[in-house]
Amino acid sequence: MSDAAVLLVHADSDREYLRAPGEELQTDLGVLTVPEAPRPGETIETHLGETFAVRRLRGPDLFNHFERTGAPMMPRDIGLVIGHTGAQSGDRVLDAGTGTGVLSGYLGRLGAEVTTYERDAEFAEVARGNMALAGVADRVDVRTGDVLEDLEDLAGGEFDLLTLDTADAAAVVERAPDLLTNGGYCAVYAPFVEDARRAEEAARGAGLLGVETLETIQRELHVDDRGTRPSTAGVGHTGYLTFGRRG
């Protein structure tokens, strides 16, 4: 990863900022310029004498600090995608529904080569900027357009992983055998159960193996002096993930 941004963490608060090497930070705490080669652990002072520590960028920081163009995939959902598909360095990934680019950024930082499609030109441009901040612009090709229109050119069984976060994902899943290598995985994120059902039916119809759909639910534990119990805030649901594998 080249020229990845770093986190600047204020020593006396929980304030943190994502900035690229050589970029200026201007806040009420003062002004500073990030060194061209910042070292994790070093400290930088603003002109007002406020101290910031340099922290190396990690995956969850992409979710917290990328410029957003909508609701990005949650880190827990990304963890399931990586865990269930074994995404790894050297994989070729075809992704659709780039959005903010958090999933593509994660995969790029794993060492995968990602081709991702975003229909909205403005969203795609923001995603390209985010990939530059993540230091993976050389590994993540953000294309403006509809992946459905390029499926004939993309077919050839060269992708190890197909990741989809679009309303018409089922139409792409139908072509998964033409896109995936032997043993390659397909993963579809859907916010609505109807879309998840269509994705699973398409995966089964395409002859993918081990097809399953999971609902992702997570509850935080609340810990205090009286005891420990699950948090009562929210239901913890984010969406549905459908997986399948080419035989």
C-alpha atoms as a PDB file:
ATOM      1  CA  MET A   1       0.000   0.000   0.000  1.00  0.00           C
ATOM      2  CA  SER A   2       1.473   3.301  -1.057  1.00  0.00           C
ATOM      3  CA  ASP A   3       0.780   6.754   0.326  1.00  0.00           C
ATOM      4  CA  ALA A   4      -2.006   5.542   2.628  1.00  0.00           C
ATOM      5  CA  ALA A   5      -3.508   8.121   4.928  1.00  0.00           C
ATOM      6  CA  VAL A   6      -2.931   7.981   8.678  1.00  0.00           C
ATOM      7  CA  LEU A   7      -5.081   8.723  11.687  1.00  0.00           C
ATOM      8  CA  LEU A   8      -4.196  11.716  13.820  1.00  0.00           C
ATOM      9  CA  VAL A   9      -5.438  11.086  17.352  1.00  0.00           C
ATOM     10  CA  HIS A  10      -5.610  13.954  19.831  1.00  0.00           C
ATOM     11  CA  ALA A  11      -3.795  13.081  23.035  1.00  0.00           C
ATOM     12  CA  ASP A  12      -6.374  14.528  25.448  1.00  0.00           C
ATOM     13  CA  SER A  13      -9.671  13.619  23.775  1.00  0.00           C
ATOM     14  CA  ASP A  14     -11.282  11.025  21.518  1.00  0.00           C
ATOM     15  CA  ARG A  15     -10.985  13.274  18.469  1.00  0.00           C
ATOM     16  CA  GLU A  16      -9.287  11.743  15.443  1.00  0.00           C
ATOM     17  CA  TYR A  17      -8.825  12.777  11.824  1.00  0.00           C
ATOM     18  CA  LEU A  18      -7.888  10.928   8.658  1.00  0.00           C
ATOM     19  CA  ARG A  19      -5.275  12.767   6.616  1.00  0.00           C
ATOM     20  CA  ALA A  20      -2.898  11.893   3.770  1.00  0.00           C
ATOM     21  CA  PRO A  21       0.886  12.487   3.959  1.00  0.00           C
ATOM     22  CA  GLY A  22       1.664  16.136   3.279  1.00  0.00           C
ATOM     23  CA  GLU A  23      -1.927  17.201   3.924  1.00  0.00           C
ATOM     24  CA  GLU A  24      -2.808  20.007   6.326  1.00  0.00           C
ATOM     25  CA  LEU A  25      -5.126  19.628   9.318  1.00  0.00           C
ATOM     26  CA  GLN A  26      -6.970  22.733  10.490  1.00  0.00           C
ATOM     27  CA  THR A  27      -9.093  22.578  13.646  1.00  0.00           C
ATOM     28  CA  ASP A  28      -9.804  24.688  16.705  1.00  0.00           C
ATOM     29  CA  LEU A  29      -6.830  22.844  18.233  1.00  0.00           C
ATOM     30  CA  GLY A  30      -4.523  24.483  15.729  1.00  0.00           C
ATOM     31  CA  VAL A  31      -2.910  23.784  12.376  1.00  0.00           C
ATOM     32  CA  LEU A  32      -0.407  21.082  11.482  1.00  0.00           C
ATOM     33  CA  THR A  33       0.952  19.440   8.341  1.00  0.00           C
ATOM     34  CA  VAL A  34       1.279  15.667   8.163  1.00  0.00           C
ATOM     35  CA  PRO A  35       4.861  14.636   7.341  1.00  0.00           C
ATOM     36  CA  GLU A  36       5.500  13.091   3.922  1.00  0.00           C
ATOM     37  CA  ALA A  37       6.573   9.871   5.623  1.00  0.00           C
ATOM     38  CA  PRO A  38       4.646   9.751   8.929  1.00  0.00           C
ATOM     39  CA  ARG A  39       5.726   7.057  11.386  1.00  0.00           C
ATOM     40  CA  PRO A  40       3.083   5.283  13.497  1.00  0.00           C
ATOM     41  CA  GLY A  41       3.571   6.272  17.129  1.00  0.00           C
ATOM     42  CA  GLU A  42       5.244   9.601  16.494  1.00  0.00           C
ATOM     43  CA  THR A  43       3.606  12.767  17.762  1.00  0.00           C
ATOM     44  CA  ILE A  44       2.926  15.983  15.891  1.00  0.00           C
ATOM     45  CA  GLU A  45       2.129  19.350  17.446  1.00  0.00           C
ATOM     46  CA  THR A  46      -0.175  22.011  16.076  1.00  0.00           C
ATOM     47  CA  HIS A  47       0.917  25.629  16.071  1.00  0.00           C
ATOM     48  CA  LEU A  48      -1.037  25.979  19.343  1.00  0.00           C
ATOM     49  CA  GLY A  49       0.985  23.230  21.008  1.00  0.00           C
ATOM     50  CA  GLU A  50      -1.750  20.564  20.916  1.00  0.00           C
ATOM     51  CA  THR A  51      -0.356  17.059  20.400  1.00  0.00           C
ATOM     52  CA  PHE A  52      -1.621  14.426  17.984  1.00  0.00           C
ATOM     53  CA  ALA A  53      -0.352  10.854  17.772  1.00  0.00           C
ATOM     54  CA  VAL A  54       0.061   9.181  14.383  1.00  0.00           C
ATOM     55  CA  ARG A  55      -1.769   5.872  14.053  1.00  0.00           C
ATOM     56  CA  ARG A  56      -1.543   3.432  11.142  1.00  0.00           C
ATOM     57  CA  LEU A  57      -4.780   3.053   9.218  1.00  0.00           C
ATOM     58  CA  ARG A  58      -6.772  -0.145   9.872  1.00  0.00           C
ATOM     59  CA  GLY A  59      -9.885  -1.574   8.239  1.00  0.00           C
ATOM     60  CA  PRO A  60     -12.481  -0.209  10.690  1.00  0.00           C
ATOM     61  CA  ASP A  61     -11.053   3.277  10.178  1.00  0.00           C
ATOM     62  CA  LEU A  62     -12.265   3.121   6.579  1.00  0.00           C
ATOM     63  CA  PHE A  63     -15.835   2.769   7.839  1.00  0.00           C
ATOM     64  CA  ASN A  64     -15.418   5.539  10.390  1.00  0.00           C
ATOM     65  CA  HIS A  65     -13.633   8.110   8.243  1.00  0.00           C
ATOM     66  CA  PHE A  66     -14.266   7.592   4.529  1.00  0.00           C
ATOM     67  CA  GLU A  67     -16.287  10.313   2.820  1.00  0.00           C
ATOM     68  CA  ARG A  68     -19.753   8.801   2.582  1.00  0.00           C
ATOM     69  CA  THR A  69     -22.208   8.746  -0.278  1.00  0.00           C
ATOM     70  CA  GLY A  70     -24.711   6.518   1.516  1.00  0.00           C
ATOM     71  CA  ALA A  71     -24.835   3.794   4.143  1.00  0.00           C
ATOM     72  CA  PRO A  72     -21.655   1.684   3.756  1.00  0.00           C
ATOM     73  CA  MET A  73     -21.455  -2.012   4.558  1.00  0.00           C
ATOM     74  CA  MET A  74     -20.821  -2.538   8.273  1.00  0.00           C
ATOM     75  CA  PRO A  75     -17.495  -4.033   9.396  1.00  0.00           C
ATOM     76  CA  ARG A  76     -19.317  -7.053  10.877  1.00  0.00           C
ATOM     77  CA  ASP A  77     -20.892  -7.811   7.487  1.00  0.00           C
ATOM     78  CA  ILE A  78     -17.524  -7.396   5.781  1.00  0.00           C
ATOM     79  CA  GLY A  79     -16.065  -9.804   8.327  1.00  0.00           C
ATOM     80  CA  LEU A  80     -18.643 -12.412   7.354  1.00  0.00           C
ATOM     81  CA  VAL A  81     -17.888 -11.908   3.661  1.00  0.00           C
ATOM     82  CA  ILE A  82     -14.169 -12.395   4.258  1.00  0.00           C
ATOM     83  CA  GLY A  83     -14.664 -15.282   6.676  1.00  0.00           C
ATOM     84  CA  HIS A  84     -17.128 -17.208   4.505  1.00  0.00           C
ATOM     85  CA  THR A  85     -15.266 -16.735   1.220  1.00  0.00           C
ATOM     86  CA  GLY A  86     -11.653 -16.840   2.400  1.00  0.00           C
ATOM     87  CA  ALA A  87     -10.840 -13.630   0.498  1.00  0.00           C
ATOM     88  CA  GLN A  88      -7.076 -13.239   0.420  1.00  0.00           C
ATOM     89  CA  SER A  89      -4.081 -11.610  -1.188  1.00  0.00           C
ATOM     90  CA  GLY A  90      -3.890 -12.239  -4.914  1.00  0.00           C
ATOM     91  CA  ASP A  91      -7.617 -12.808  -5.386  1.00  0.00           C
ATOM     92  CA  ARG A  92      -9.367 -11.165  -8.308  1.00  0.00           C
ATOM     93  CA  VAL A  93     -12.646  -9.646  -7.149  1.00  0.00           C
ATOM     94  CA  LEU A  94     -15.594  -8.340  -9.157  1.00  0.00           C
ATOM     95  CA  ASP A  95     -17.721  -6.006  -7.056  1.00  0.00           C
ATOM     96  CA  ALA A  96     -20.870  -4.043  -7.881  1.00  0.00           C
ATOM     97  CA  GLY A  97     -22.493  -1.287  -5.876  1.00  0.00           C
ATOM     98  CA  THR A  98     -19.282   0.440  -4.782  1.00  0.00           C
ATOM     99  CA  GLY A  99     -20.962   3.234  -2.833  1.00  0.00           C
ATOM    100  CA  THR A 100     -18.512   4.661  -0.319  1.00  0.00           C
ATOM    101  CA  GLY A 101     -16.061   1.869  -1.123  1.00  0.00           C
ATOM    102  CA  VAL A 102     -15.557   0.395   2.336  1.00  0.00           C
ATOM    103  CA  LEU A 103     -15.751  -3.236   1.158  1.00  0.00           C
ATOM    104  CA  SER A 104     -13.469  -2.560  -1.811  1.00  0.00           C
ATOM    105  CA  GLY A 105     -11.032  -0.779   0.510  1.00  0.00           C
ATOM    106  CA  TYR A 106     -10.957  -3.722   2.921  1.00  0.00           C
ATOM    107  CA  LEU A 107     -10.380  -6.199   0.105  1.00  0.00           C
ATOM    108  CA  GLY A 108      -7.699  -4.038  -1.479  1.00  0.00           C
ATOM    109  CA  ARG A 109      -5.864  -3.778   1.817  1.00  0.00           C
ATOM    110  CA  LEU A 110      -5.976  -7.588   2.065  1.00  0.00           C
ATOM    111  CA  GLY A 111      -4.048  -7.661  -1.198  1.00  0.00           C
ATOM    112  CA  ALA A 112      -6.893  -8.479  -3.581  1.00  0.00           C
ATOM    113  CA  GLU A 113      -7.213  -6.928  -7.042  1.00  0.00           C
ATOM    114  CA  VAL A 114     -10.703  -5.396  -7.170  1.00  0.00           C
ATOM    115  CA  THR A 115     -12.792  -4.236 -10.114  1.00  0.00           C
ATOM    116  CA  THR A 116     -15.823  -2.411  -8.726  1.00  0.00           C
ATOM    117  CA  TYR A 117     -18.788  -0.814 -10.495  1.00  0.00           C
ATOM    118  CA  GLU A 118     -20.741   2.238  -9.339  1.00  0.00           C
ATOM    119  CA  ARG A 119     -23.594   3.639 -11.436  1.00  0.00           C
ATOM    120  CA  ASP A 120     -23.531   7.132  -9.960  1.00  0.00           C
ATOM    121  CA  ALA A 121     -20.619   9.114 -11.411  1.00  0.00           C
ATOM    122  CA  GLU A 122     -20.333  11.397  -8.363  1.00  0.00           C
ATOM    123  CA  PHE A 123     -20.341   8.428  -5.993  1.00  0.00           C
ATOM    124  CA  ALA A 124     -17.672   6.737  -8.096  1.00  0.00           C
ATOM    125  CA  GLU A 125     -15.452   9.811  -7.914  1.00  0.00           C
ATOM    126  CA  VAL A 126     -15.780   9.934  -4.125  1.00  0.00           C
ATOM    127  CA  ALA A 127     -14.909   6.230  -3.966  1.00  0.00           C
ATOM    128  CA  ARG A 128     -11.760   6.836  -6.010  1.00  0.00           C
ATOM    129  CA  GLY A 129     -10.701   9.469  -3.501  1.00  0.00           C
ATOM    130  CA  ASN A 130     -11.383   7.062  -0.668  1.00  0.00           C
ATOM    131  CA  MET A 131      -9.269   4.376  -2.346  1.00  0.00           C
ATOM    132  CA  ALA A 132      -6.411   6.867  -2.561  1.00  0.00           C
ATOM    133  CA  LEU A 133      -6.734   7.594   1.171  1.00  0.00           C
ATOM    134  CA  ALA A 134      -6.704   3.859   1.889  1.00  0.00           C
ATOM    135  CA  GLY A 135      -3.533   3.471  -0.176  1.00  0.00           C
ATOM    136  CA  VAL A 136      -5.133   0.971  -2.572  1.00  0.00           C
ATOM    137  CA  ALA A 137      -5.850   3.060  -5.659  1.00  0.00           C
ATOM    138  CA  ASP A 138      -3.408   0.815  -7.550  1.00  0.00           C
ATOM    139  CA  ARG A 139      -5.388  -2.306  -6.588  1.00  0.00           C
ATOM    140  CA  VAL A 140      -8.998  -1.092  -6.762  1.00  0.00           C
ATOM    141  CA  ASP A 141     -10.331  -0.079 -10.176  1.00  0.00           C
ATOM    142  CA  VAL A 142     -13.488   1.992  -9.615  1.00  0.00           C
ATOM    143  CA  ARG A 143     -15.530   1.981 -12.806  1.00  0.00           C
ATOM    144  CA  THR A 144     -18.507   4.219 -13.479  1.00  0.00           C
ATOM    145  CA  GLY A 145     -21.324   2.188 -14.966  1.00  0.00           C
ATOM    146  CA  ASP A 146     -23.630  -0.813 -14.642  1.00  0.00           C
ATOM    147  CA  VAL A 147     -21.877  -4.161 -14.293  1.00  0.00           C
ATOM    148  CA  LEU A 148     -24.800  -5.840 -16.084  1.00  0.00           C
ATOM    149  CA  GLU A 149     -23.846  -4.012 -19.268  1.00  0.00           C
ATOM    150  CA  ASP A 150     -20.278  -5.373 -19.142  1.00  0.00           C
ATOM    151  CA  LEU A 151     -20.969  -9.005 -18.218  1.00  0.00           C
ATOM    152  CA  GLU A 152     -20.131 -10.322 -21.686  1.00  0.00           C
ATOM    153  CA  ASP A 153     -16.696  -8.681 -21.525  1.00  0.00           C
ATOM    154  CA  LEU A 154     -16.144  -9.801 -17.929  1.00  0.00           C
ATOM    155  CA  ALA A 155     -17.159 -13.434 -18.492  1.00  0.00           C
ATOM    156  CA  GLY A 156     -14.316 -15.887 -18.682  1.00  0.00           C
ATOM    157  CA  GLY A 157     -14.102 -17.434 -15.240  1.00  0.00           C
ATOM    158  CA  GLU A 158     -11.263 -15.238 -14.013  1.00  0.00           C
ATOM    159  CA  PHE A 159     -12.684 -13.938 -10.717  1.00  0.00           C
ATOM    160  CA  ASP A 160     -12.108 -15.627  -7.378  1.00  0.00           C
ATOM    161  CA  LEU A 161     -14.839 -13.638  -5.667  1.00  0.00           C
ATOM    162  CA  LEU A 162     -18.023 -11.886  -6.749  1.00  0.00           C
ATOM    163  CA  THR A 163     -19.456  -9.356  -4.252  1.00  0.00           C
ATOM    164  CA  LEU A 164     -22.728  -7.580  -4.938  1.00  0.00           C
ATOM    165  CA  ASP A 165     -24.638  -4.838  -3.142  1.00  0.00           C
ATOM    166  CA  THR A 166     -27.230  -3.815  -5.724  1.00  0.00           C
ATOM    167  CA  ALA A 167     -30.989  -4.164  -6.042  1.00  0.00           C
ATOM    168  CA  ASP A 168     -30.601  -6.265  -9.205  1.00  0.00           C
ATOM    169  CA  ALA A 169     -27.865  -8.515  -7.807  1.00  0.00           C
ATOM    170  CA  ALA A 170     -29.864 -11.641  -8.719  1.00  0.00           C
ATOM    171  CA  ALA A 171     -29.401 -10.881 -12.424  1.00  0.00           C
ATOM    172  CA  VAL A 172     -25.618 -10.910 -11.928  1.00  0.00           C
ATOM    173  CA  VAL A 173     -25.737 -14.046  -9.778  1.00  0.00           C
ATOM    174  CA  GLU A 174     -27.378 -15.867 -12.684  1.00  0.00           C
ATOM    175  CA  ARG A 175     -24.120 -15.340 -14.590  1.00  0.00           C
ATOM    176  CA  ALA A 176     -21.842 -16.290 -11.672  1.00  0.00           C
ATOM    177  CA  PRO A 177     -20.657 -19.559 -13.304  1.00  0.00           C
ATOM    178  CA  ASP A 178     -19.366 -17.508 -16.263  1.00  0.00           C
ATOM    179  CA  LEU A 179     -17.550 -15.052 -13.993  1.00  0.00           C
ATOM    180  CA  LEU A 180     -16.031 -17.214 -11.260  1.00  0.00           C
ATOM    181  CA  THR A 181     -13.039 -19.532 -11.239  1.00  0.00           C
ATOM    182  CA  ASN A 182     -13.541 -23.116 -10.106  1.00  0.00           C
ATOM    183  CA  GLY A 183     -14.175 -22.916  -6.373  1.00  0.00           C
ATOM    184  CA  GLY A 184     -14.787 -19.167  -6.508  1.00  0.00           C
ATOM    185  CA  TYR A 185     -17.389 -17.595  -4.236  1.00  0.00           C
ATOM    186  CA  CYS A 186     -20.330 -15.287  -4.704  1.00  0.00           C
ATOM    187  CA  ALA A 187     -21.487 -13.047  -1.832  1.00  0.00           C
ATOM    188  CA  VAL A 188     -24.575 -10.825  -2.018  1.00  0.00           C
ATOM    189  CA  TYR A 189     -25.505  -8.206   0.569  1.00  0.00           C
ATOM    190  CA  ALA A 190     -29.200  -7.291   0.666  1.00  0.00           C
ATOM    191  CA  PRO A 191     -30.959  -4.886   3.028  1.00  0.00           C
ATOM    192  CA  PHE A 192     -34.362  -6.440   2.300  1.00  0.00           C
ATOM    193  CA  VAL A 193     -35.405 -10.051   2.689  1.00  0.00           C
ATOM    194  CA  GLU A 194     -37.145 -10.067  -0.706  1.00  0.00           C
ATOM    195  CA  ASP A 195     -33.843  -9.214  -2.420  1.00  0.00           C
ATOM    196  CA  ALA A 196     -32.068 -11.902  -0.413  1.00  0.00           C
ATOM    197  CA  ARG A 197     -34.645 -14.470  -1.523  1.00  0.00           C
ATOM    198  CA  ARG A 198     -34.160 -13.521  -5.173  1.00  0.00           C
ATOM    199  CA  ALA A 199     -30.382 -13.783  -4.767  1.00  0.00           C
ATOM    200  CA  GLU A 200     -30.640 -17.249  -3.206  1.00  0.00           C
ATOM    201  CA  GLU A 201     -33.033 -18.486  -5.879  1.00  0.00           C
ATOM    202  CA  ALA A 202     -30.690 -17.165  -8.579  1.00  0.00           C
ATOM    203  CA  ALA A 203     -27.695 -18.855  -6.930  1.00  0.00           C
ATOM    204  CA  ARG A 204     -29.495 -22.197  -6.763  1.00  0.00           C
ATOM    205  CA  GLY A 205     -30.721 -21.803 -10.341  1.00  0.00           C
ATOM    206  CA  ALA A 206     -27.158 -21.119 -11.482  1.00  0.00           C
ATOM    207  CA  GLY A 207     -26.007 -24.360  -9.883  1.00  0.00           C
ATOM    208  CA  LEU A 208     -23.840 -22.811  -7.191  1.00  0.00           C
ATOM    209  CA  LEU A 209     -22.937 -25.047  -4.271  1.00  0.00           C
ATOM    210  CA  GLY A 210     -23.442 -24.542  -0.543  1.00  0.00           C
ATOM    211  CA  VAL A 211     -25.988 -21.777  -1.049  1.00  0.00           C
ATOM    212  CA  GLU A 212     -27.100 -20.155   2.197  1.00  0.00           C
ATOM    213  CA  THR A 213     -28.518 -16.853   3.401  1.00  0.00           C
ATOM    214  CA  LEU A 214     -27.642 -15.404   6.791  1.00  0.00           C
ATOM    215  CA  GLU A 215     -29.192 -12.536   8.711  1.00  0.00           C
ATOM    216  CA  THR A 216     -26.563 -10.516  10.554  1.00  0.00           C
ATOM    217  CA  ILE A 217     -27.535  -9.532  14.075  1.00  0.00           C
ATOM    218  CA  GLN A 218     -25.193  -8.259  16.764  1.00  0.00           C
ATOM    219  CA  ARG A 219     -25.828  -7.091  20.326  1.00  0.00           C
ATOM    220  CA  GLU A 220     -23.413  -5.155  22.474  1.00  0.00           C
ATOM    221  CA  LEU A 221     -22.877  -6.171  26.091  1.00  0.00           C
ATOM    222  CA  HIS A 222     -23.533  -3.445  28.643  1.00  0.00           C
ATOM    223  CA  VAL A 223     -21.033  -3.650  31.519  1.00  0.00           C
ATOM    224  CA  ASP A 224     -21.312  -1.644  34.752  1.00  0.00           C
ATOM    225  CA  ASP A 225     -20.847  -2.059  38.502  1.00  0.00           C
ATOM    226  CA  ARG A 226     -24.197  -3.831  38.903  1.00  0.00           C
ATOM    227  CA  GLY A 227     -23.530  -6.545  36.350  1.00  0.00           C
ATOM    228  CA  THR A 228     -23.392  -7.428  32.690  1.00  0.00           C
ATOM    229  CA  ARG A 229     -26.301  -7.788  30.278  1.00  0.00           C
ATOM    230  CA  PRO A 230     -27.068  -7.337  26.581  1.00  0.00           C
ATOM    231  CA  SER A 231     -27.742  -3.763  25.538  1.00  0.00           C
ATOM    232  CA  THR A 232     -31.407  -2.859  25.114  1.00  0.00           C
ATOM    233  CA  ALA A 233     -30.599  -0.302  22.395  1.00  0.00           C
ATOM    234  CA  GLY A 234     -31.730  -1.330  18.909  1.00  0.00           C
ATOM    235  CA  VAL A 235     -32.241  -4.750  17.386  1.00  0.00           C
ATOM    236  CA  GLY A 236     -28.734  -5.095  15.980  1.00  0.00           C
ATOM    237  CA  HIS A 237     -29.912  -6.088  12.473  1.00  0.00           C
ATOM    238  CA  THR A 238     -27.998  -4.841   9.460  1.00  0.00           C
ATOM    239  CA  GLY A 239     -28.987  -7.015   6.530  1.00  0.00           C
ATOM    240  CA  TYR A 240     -28.819 -10.374   4.765  1.00  0.00           C
ATOM    241  CA  LEU A 241     -25.847 -12.103   3.179  1.00  0.00           C
ATOM    242  CA  THR A 242     -26.255 -14.826   0.565  1.00  0.00           C
ATOM    243  CA  PHE A 243     -23.314 -17.063  -0.284  1.00  0.00           C
ATOM    244  CA  GLY A 244     -22.674 -19.633  -2.985  1.00  0.00           C
ATOM    245  CA  ARG A 245     -19.684 -21.301  -4.593  1.00  0.00           C
ATOM    246  CA  ARG A 246     -18.895 -22.438  -8.087  1.00  0.00           C
ATOM    247  CA  GLY A 247     -18.104 -26.138  -8.222  1.00  0.00           C
END
